[in-house]
């Protein structure tokens, strides 16, 4: 069998024509320019997207905050920097009912320094002393009592409930949340640590004031919610008996033993400048519950129409606390306090004189 022979020589293979060098270079230049252009587009798009997200988030926050914080009373005080803030949580059946029926009242005190929260669940049949010469009433009736013959029953009902809680616990009521029963389940979850974001239905937020009133901002509510969710169960204390309320003073003192008022160590005199009994005694409870040092609690020689605070350190945290809690705006230095003949002024660092102008606040 004849052997197969290769009849094709190397020279017989047709080689592909070589591409000109300048064509390859042009493609590389085009690709590099395209990549740069694409990069600029991506960077610009990213900036626009981030800006839109920021503006959208900021706008949403402003929208939520405006609709959420439908304040019943003017309050410039922020609890963000308060180590021991408190919140009154009140649930009623229907905002439009007459009279308004209370379903639940809870009072929260937060200790940010030791990461604790104390909650007082107040039974509706609990009898409390009501400020403003109303005597004693069951908690269930106090909101309606404040709303009686009122042009704005939600405002006046809430105010009287806050004053009654202040009188009961001798502790400042910083903020409140008032809801009707349609929001009760979700608000309970909020105060148990569920996310505040799940609380707000964006489809309904514009009408949230129909079921919720508060003097808290959305940021304050978020911070309180985050604080509650961050602490363990053994740091969440709940009381629901009259005996626990009676012992509340001692518990509150344990919470506030490292407050700024304690560290300032100011000697405080509390003087009743009215003809109502018990004013200085109640004020003494308030001050000592916050860690203050009370060196005098008595009546003045004369009665006073206007309350005032007399001190040589008007910028102290203690003076700021007394002014805010007792609603006293007149603050004098000892040098300016002419016409006062109370001996306690010379002996105390701070002297508080309660006048008739705070009627209904502490008595």
Protein backbone atom coordinates (compact mmCIF):
# COMPACT_ATOMS: atom_id res chain seq x y z
CA UNK A 1 0.00 0.00 0.00
CA UNK A 2 1.51 3.29 -1.07
CA UNK A 3 2.46 5.58 1.70
CA UNK A 4 0.61 8.75 2.11
CA UNK A 5 2.79 11.77 1.50
CA UNK A 6 2.25 15.39 2.59
CA UNK A 7 1.97 17.31 -0.62
CA UNK A 8 1.60 20.70 1.12
CA UNK A 9 4.70 22.62 1.84
CA UNK A 10 5.00 25.17 4.67
CA UNK A 11 5.00 27.89 2.10
CA UNK A 12 1.71 26.68 0.74
CA UNK A 13 -0.21 27.67 3.98
CA UNK A 14 -1.92 31.03 3.51
CA UNK A 15 -1.31 33.16 6.54
CA UNK A 16 -4.01 35.58 7.76
CA UNK A 17 -3.38 39.16 6.89
CA UNK A 18 -1.89 41.09 9.78
CA UNK A 19 -4.03 43.81 11.38
CA UNK A 20 -2.57 47.22 11.25
CA UNK A 21 -1.09 48.30 14.57
CA UNK A 22 -2.98 51.60 14.58
CA UNK A 23 -6.41 49.81 14.56
CA UNK A 24 -5.66 47.95 17.84
CA UNK A 25 -4.44 51.17 19.46
CA UNK A 26 -7.57 53.03 18.40
CA UNK A 27 -9.77 50.32 20.05
CA UNK A 28 -7.78 50.52 23.28
CA UNK A 29 -8.18 54.30 23.33
CA UNK A 30 -11.90 54.00 22.65
CA UNK A 31 -12.35 51.38 25.39
CA UNK A 32 -10.42 53.48 27.88
CA UNK A 33 -12.49 56.58 27.08
CA UNK A 34 -15.73 54.60 27.30
CA UNK A 35 -14.75 53.24 30.71
CA UNK A 36 -13.95 56.73 31.96
CA UNK A 37 -17.27 58.03 30.67
CA UNK A 38 -19.13 55.11 32.23
CA UNK A 39 -17.30 55.70 35.52
CA UNK A 40 -18.31 59.35 35.54
CA UNK A 41 -21.91 58.35 34.88
CA UNK A 42 -21.87 55.82 37.73
CA UNK A 43 -20.30 58.30 40.16
CA UNK A 44 -22.86 60.97 39.23
CA UNK A 45 -25.72 58.49 39.55
CA UNK A 46 -24.42 57.37 42.95
CA UNK A 47 -24.24 60.96 44.20
CA UNK A 48 -27.77 61.63 42.96
CA UNK A 49 -29.05 58.41 44.57
CA UNK A 50 -27.37 59.11 47.92
CA UNK A 51 -28.64 62.70 47.90
CA UNK A 52 -32.14 61.54 47.05
CA UNK A 53 -32.07 58.96 49.83
CA UNK A 54 -30.81 61.54 52.33
CA UNK A 55 -33.35 64.17 51.32
CA UNK A 56 -36.08 61.57 51.19
CA UNK A 57 -35.21 60.23 54.63
CA UNK A 58 -34.93 63.72 56.07
CA UNK A 59 -38.21 64.73 54.48
CA UNK A 60 -39.89 61.56 55.76
CA UNK A 61 -38.53 62.18 59.26
CA UNK A 62 -39.86 65.75 59.23
CA UNK A 63 -43.20 64.51 57.95
CA UNK A 64 -43.45 61.78 60.57
CA UNK A 65 -42.24 64.06 63.33
CA UNK A 66 -44.73 66.80 62.41
CA UNK A 67 -47.64 64.40 62.36
CA UNK A 68 -46.50 62.40 65.38
CA UNK A 69 -45.73 65.17 67.84
CA UNK A 70 -49.18 66.73 67.96
CA UNK A 71 -48.47 68.35 71.31
CA UNK A 72 -51.28 69.09 73.69
CA UNK A 73 -49.19 71.61 75.61
CA UNK A 74 -46.14 73.64 74.76
CA UNK A 75 -43.03 71.85 75.99
CA UNK A 76 -39.54 73.00 75.13
CA UNK A 77 -37.94 70.49 77.46
CA UNK A 78 -36.14 67.58 75.81
CA UNK A 79 -35.62 64.31 77.66
CA UNK A 80 -32.76 63.26 75.37
CA UNK A 81 -30.14 64.50 77.85
CA UNK A 82 -32.10 63.68 81.01
CA UNK A 83 -30.61 60.75 82.96
CA UNK A 84 -33.90 60.06 84.76
CA UNK A 85 -36.79 60.92 82.41
CA UNK A 86 -40.38 59.87 83.01
CA UNK A 87 -43.37 59.25 80.74
CA UNK A 88 -47.06 59.01 81.55
CA UNK A 89 -48.85 56.54 79.27
CA UNK A 90 -52.64 56.97 79.24
CA UNK A 91 -55.17 54.92 77.28
CA UNK A 92 -58.79 56.01 76.82
CA UNK A 93 -61.64 54.36 74.96
CA UNK A 94 -62.52 57.17 72.56
CA UNK A 95 -61.19 60.71 72.11
CA UNK A 96 -64.62 61.93 71.08
CA UNK A 97 -66.62 60.40 73.94
CA UNK A 98 -68.31 62.55 76.59
CA UNK A 99 -67.19 61.86 79.21
CA UNK A 100 -63.84 60.39 78.14
CA UNK A 101 -63.42 56.96 79.72
CA UNK A 102 -59.94 55.92 80.91
CA UNK A 103 -58.87 52.33 80.25
CA UNK A 104 -55.31 52.31 81.54
CA UNK A 105 -52.73 54.54 83.26
CA UNK A 106 -49.03 53.67 83.47
CA UNK A 107 -46.13 55.74 84.76
CA UNK A 108 -42.58 55.01 83.59
CA UNK A 109 -39.35 56.18 85.23
CA UNK A 110 -36.15 55.50 83.27
CA UNK A 111 -32.69 55.29 84.81
CA UNK A 112 -30.24 55.74 81.94
CA UNK A 113 -27.19 55.61 84.21
CA UNK A 114 -27.85 52.12 85.60
CA UNK A 115 -30.01 50.97 82.67
CA UNK A 116 -33.21 50.28 84.57
CA UNK A 117 -36.87 51.09 84.06
CA UNK A 118 -39.62 51.13 86.68
CA UNK A 119 -43.25 50.94 85.56
CA UNK A 120 -46.20 51.68 87.80
CA UNK A 121 -49.44 50.15 86.51
CA UNK A 122 -52.08 52.13 88.35
CA UNK A 123 -55.39 50.32 89.00
CA UNK A 124 -58.40 52.29 87.83
CA UNK A 125 -59.94 52.09 91.32
CA UNK A 126 -56.81 53.51 92.97
CA UNK A 127 -57.79 56.58 95.02
CA UNK A 128 -55.42 59.51 94.57
CA UNK A 129 -55.16 63.07 95.89
CA UNK A 130 -56.07 65.41 93.06
CA UNK A 131 -54.45 68.89 93.01
CA UNK A 132 -56.61 71.96 92.75
CA UNK A 133 -58.96 71.41 95.68
CA UNK A 134 -60.62 68.41 94.01
CA UNK A 135 -59.98 66.19 97.02
CA UNK A 136 -59.52 62.46 96.44
CA UNK A 137 -60.83 60.58 93.43
CA UNK A 138 -60.38 57.25 91.70
CA UNK A 139 -57.87 57.34 88.84
CA UNK A 140 -60.60 56.29 86.41
CA UNK A 141 -62.51 59.54 87.04
CA UNK A 142 -59.68 62.08 87.01
CA UNK A 143 -59.42 62.57 83.24
CA UNK A 144 -63.13 63.27 82.95
CA UNK A 145 -62.92 65.60 85.94
CA UNK A 146 -60.22 67.66 84.24
CA UNK A 147 -62.16 67.68 80.97
CA UNK A 148 -65.39 68.83 82.60
CA UNK A 149 -66.75 72.00 80.93
CA UNK A 150 -63.53 72.28 78.94
CA UNK A 151 -63.16 73.68 75.45
CA UNK A 152 -60.38 71.16 74.84
CA UNK A 153 -61.04 68.07 76.99
CA UNK A 154 -57.93 66.22 75.80
CA UNK A 155 -55.71 69.07 76.97
CA UNK A 156 -57.30 69.63 80.35
CA UNK A 157 -57.92 65.95 81.05
CA UNK A 158 -54.28 65.11 80.38
CA UNK A 159 -53.02 68.04 82.43
CA UNK A 160 -55.00 67.00 85.50
CA UNK A 161 -53.86 63.40 85.13
CA UNK A 162 -50.21 64.53 84.96
CA UNK A 163 -50.62 66.71 88.05
CA UNK A 164 -52.22 63.81 89.92
CA UNK A 165 -49.34 61.47 89.03
CA UNK A 166 -46.91 64.16 90.17
CA UNK A 167 -48.79 64.46 93.46
CA UNK A 168 -48.94 60.68 93.91
CA UNK A 169 -45.30 59.85 93.23
CA UNK A 170 -43.67 63.21 94.06
CA UNK A 171 -41.70 62.79 90.86
CA UNK A 172 -41.60 65.00 87.79
CA UNK A 173 -43.78 63.96 84.83
CA UNK A 174 -41.64 64.89 81.84
CA UNK A 175 -43.67 63.63 78.89
CA UNK A 176 -46.93 61.89 78.12
CA UNK A 177 -48.49 59.68 75.48
CA UNK A 178 -52.28 59.67 75.23
CA UNK A 179 -53.93 57.13 72.90
CA UNK A 180 -57.35 55.70 72.24
CA UNK A 181 -57.91 51.95 72.44
CA UNK A 182 -57.36 51.41 68.70
CA UNK A 183 -53.60 51.92 69.26
CA UNK A 184 -53.35 50.15 72.61
CA UNK A 185 -51.94 46.85 71.36
CA UNK A 186 -49.25 48.46 69.21
CA UNK A 187 -48.31 51.04 71.86
CA UNK A 188 -47.99 48.31 74.49
CA UNK A 189 -45.52 46.56 72.19
CA UNK A 190 -43.63 49.82 71.78
CA UNK A 191 -43.16 50.13 75.55
CA UNK A 192 -42.11 46.49 75.69
CA UNK A 193 -39.25 47.10 73.28
CA UNK A 194 -40.71 46.42 69.80
CA UNK A 195 -39.27 48.63 67.07
CA UNK A 196 -40.72 52.11 66.80
CA UNK A 197 -40.60 51.76 63.00
CA UNK A 198 -43.11 48.92 63.09
CA UNK A 199 -45.35 51.19 65.19
CA UNK A 200 -45.76 53.73 62.42
CA UNK A 201 -47.89 52.71 59.45
CA UNK A 202 -46.83 55.17 56.75
CA UNK A 203 -50.23 54.91 55.08
CA UNK A 204 -51.93 56.12 58.25
CA UNK A 205 -49.33 58.43 59.79
CA UNK A 206 -50.93 61.59 58.42
CA UNK A 207 -54.05 60.81 60.44
CA UNK A 208 -52.30 59.49 63.53
CA UNK A 209 -53.43 62.47 65.61
CA UNK A 210 -56.94 61.05 65.52
CA UNK A 211 -55.81 58.30 67.88
CA UNK A 212 -52.63 59.63 69.51
CA UNK A 213 -51.58 62.84 71.24
CA UNK A 214 -48.18 63.42 72.79
CA UNK A 215 -45.64 66.08 73.64
CA UNK A 216 -42.79 63.74 72.68
CA UNK A 217 -40.91 64.14 69.43
CA UNK A 218 -40.37 61.12 67.22
CA UNK A 219 -36.68 61.20 68.16
CA UNK A 220 -37.51 61.12 71.88
CA UNK A 221 -39.87 58.21 71.39
CA UNK A 222 -37.26 56.38 69.32
CA UNK A 223 -34.58 56.88 72.00
CA UNK A 224 -36.91 55.67 74.78
CA UNK A 225 -37.91 52.66 72.70
CA UNK A 226 -34.29 51.85 71.94
CA UNK A 227 -33.41 52.16 75.63
CA UNK A 228 -36.19 49.77 76.66
CA UNK A 229 -35.17 47.21 74.05
CA UNK A 230 -31.52 47.37 75.18
CA UNK A 231 -32.01 46.37 78.83
CA UNK A 232 -32.58 42.83 80.16
CA UNK A 233 -35.84 41.67 81.69
CA UNK A 234 -34.47 41.69 85.24
CA UNK A 235 -33.92 45.45 84.90
CA UNK A 236 -37.57 46.06 84.03
CA UNK A 237 -39.56 46.40 87.25
CA UNK A 238 -43.36 46.52 87.25
CA UNK A 239 -45.55 47.55 90.21
CA UNK A 240 -49.35 47.42 90.30
CA UNK A 241 -50.38 47.60 93.95
CA UNK A 242 -51.18 50.42 96.36
CA UNK A 243 -48.51 49.11 98.74
CA UNK A 244 -45.89 49.49 96.01
CA UNK A 245 -47.03 53.04 95.33
CA UNK A 246 -46.73 53.87 99.03
CA UNK A 247 -43.13 52.61 98.97
CA UNK A 248 -42.31 54.40 95.71
CA UNK A 249 -40.36 57.22 97.39
CA UNK A 250 -37.64 54.87 98.64
CA UNK A 251 -37.38 53.12 95.28
CA UNK A 252 -37.13 56.42 93.42
CA UNK A 253 -34.39 57.62 95.76
CA UNK A 254 -32.40 54.49 94.95
CA UNK A 255 -32.75 55.25 91.24
CA UNK A 256 -31.61 58.87 91.54
CA UNK A 257 -28.83 58.57 94.12
CA UNK A 258 -26.22 59.53 91.50
CA UNK A 259 -28.14 62.41 89.92
CA UNK A 260 -26.57 65.81 89.17
CA UNK A 261 -28.54 67.28 92.08
CA UNK A 262 -26.86 64.83 94.43
CA UNK A 263 -23.41 65.72 93.13
CA UNK A 264 -24.02 69.48 93.51
CA UNK A 265 -24.85 69.05 97.24
CA UNK A 266 -26.82 72.29 97.50
CA UNK A 267 -28.59 73.06 100.78
CA UNK A 268 -32.21 73.75 99.87
CA UNK A 269 -34.90 75.58 101.89
CA UNK A 270 -38.54 75.10 100.88
CA UNK A 271 -40.97 77.71 102.17
CA UNK A 272 -44.73 77.77 101.89
CA UNK A 273 -45.77 81.35 101.13
CA UNK A 274 -49.49 80.53 100.88
CA UNK A 275 -52.23 79.73 103.36
CA UNK A 276 -52.61 76.18 101.96
CA UNK A 277 -51.25 73.48 104.22
CA UNK A 278 -48.77 70.81 103.11
CA UNK A 279 -47.10 72.71 100.26
CA UNK A 280 -43.58 72.69 101.71
CA UNK A 281 -43.98 69.09 102.89
CA UNK A 282 -44.90 67.88 99.40
CA UNK A 283 -42.11 69.94 97.83
CA UNK A 284 -39.68 68.30 100.24
CA UNK A 285 -40.74 64.86 98.95
CA UNK A 286 -40.12 65.97 95.37
CA UNK A 287 -36.66 67.34 96.12
CA UNK A 288 -35.49 64.41 98.26
CA UNK A 289 -36.79 61.90 95.69
CA UNK A 290 -34.44 63.51 93.20
CA UNK A 291 -31.54 63.37 95.66
CA UNK A 292 -31.68 66.96 96.89
CA UNK A 293 -30.60 68.01 100.39
CA UNK A 294 -33.48 69.77 102.18
CA UNK A 295 -32.33 71.80 105.20
CA UNK A 296 -35.62 73.62 105.89
CA UNK A 297 -39.28 72.99 105.15
CA UNK A 298 -41.65 75.48 106.75
CA UNK A 299 -44.00 78.43 106.30
CA UNK A 300 -42.98 81.98 105.50
CA UNK A 301 -43.62 84.94 107.79
CA UNK A 302 -45.79 86.58 105.11
CA UNK A 303 -47.80 85.26 102.18
CA UNK A 304 -46.56 85.73 98.60
CA UNK A 305 -48.46 86.09 95.36
CA UNK A 306 -45.50 85.16 93.18
CA UNK A 307 -43.22 82.16 93.64
CA UNK A 308 -39.48 82.63 93.38
CA UNK A 309 -36.12 80.94 93.76
CA UNK A 310 -33.34 82.80 95.58
CA UNK A 311 -29.76 81.60 95.11
CA UNK A 312 -26.18 82.63 94.51
CA UNK A 313 -25.79 80.01 91.75
CA UNK A 314 -28.66 80.56 89.29
CA UNK A 315 -27.03 78.40 86.59
CA UNK A 316 -26.82 75.24 88.69
CA UNK A 317 -28.57 72.02 87.66
CA UNK A 318 -30.47 72.08 90.95
CA UNK A 319 -31.97 75.50 90.22
CA UNK A 320 -32.90 74.41 86.70
CA UNK A 321 -34.64 71.34 88.12
CA UNK A 322 -36.58 73.31 90.75
CA UNK A 323 -37.62 75.94 88.22
CA UNK A 324 -38.90 73.41 85.70
CA UNK A 325 -40.62 70.99 88.07
CA UNK A 326 -42.40 73.65 90.15
CA UNK A 327 -43.05 76.01 87.20
CA UNK A 328 -41.18 78.91 88.82
CA UNK A 329 -39.66 81.40 86.40
CA UNK A 330 -38.64 84.14 88.85
CA UNK A 331 -35.04 83.48 89.90
CA UNK A 332 -33.15 86.01 92.04
CA UNK A 333 -29.66 86.24 93.41
CA UNK A 334 -29.36 86.86 97.13
CA UNK A 335 -28.04 90.34 96.42
CA UNK A 336 -31.16 91.14 94.38
CA UNK A 337 -33.60 89.57 96.82
CA UNK A 338 -34.54 92.73 98.65
CA UNK A 339 -37.71 92.85 100.66
CA UNK A 340 -37.48 89.22 101.82
CA UNK A 341 -37.14 88.67 105.54
CA UNK A 342 -37.01 84.88 105.71
CA UNK A 343 -34.03 83.75 107.80
CA UNK A 344 -33.61 80.59 105.71
CA UNK A 345 -32.33 82.65 102.78
CA UNK A 346 -29.03 83.31 104.55
CA UNK A 347 -28.61 79.70 105.71
CA UNK A 348 -29.43 77.85 102.48
CA UNK A 349 -27.71 77.76 99.11
CA UNK A 350 -31.10 77.80 97.42
CA UNK A 351 -34.41 79.01 98.85
CA UNK A 352 -37.72 78.26 97.14
CA UNK A 353 -40.73 80.37 98.15
CA UNK A 354 -44.06 79.01 96.93
CA UNK A 355 -46.68 81.65 96.20
CA UNK A 356 -50.33 81.62 95.17
CA UNK A 357 -49.41 81.70 91.46
CA UNK A 358 -48.72 77.97 91.38
CA UNK A 359 -52.17 77.12 92.66
CA UNK A 360 -53.14 73.65 91.50
CA UNK A 361 -49.56 72.55 90.77
CA UNK A 362 -48.48 71.28 94.19
CA UNK A 363 -51.67 71.59 96.25
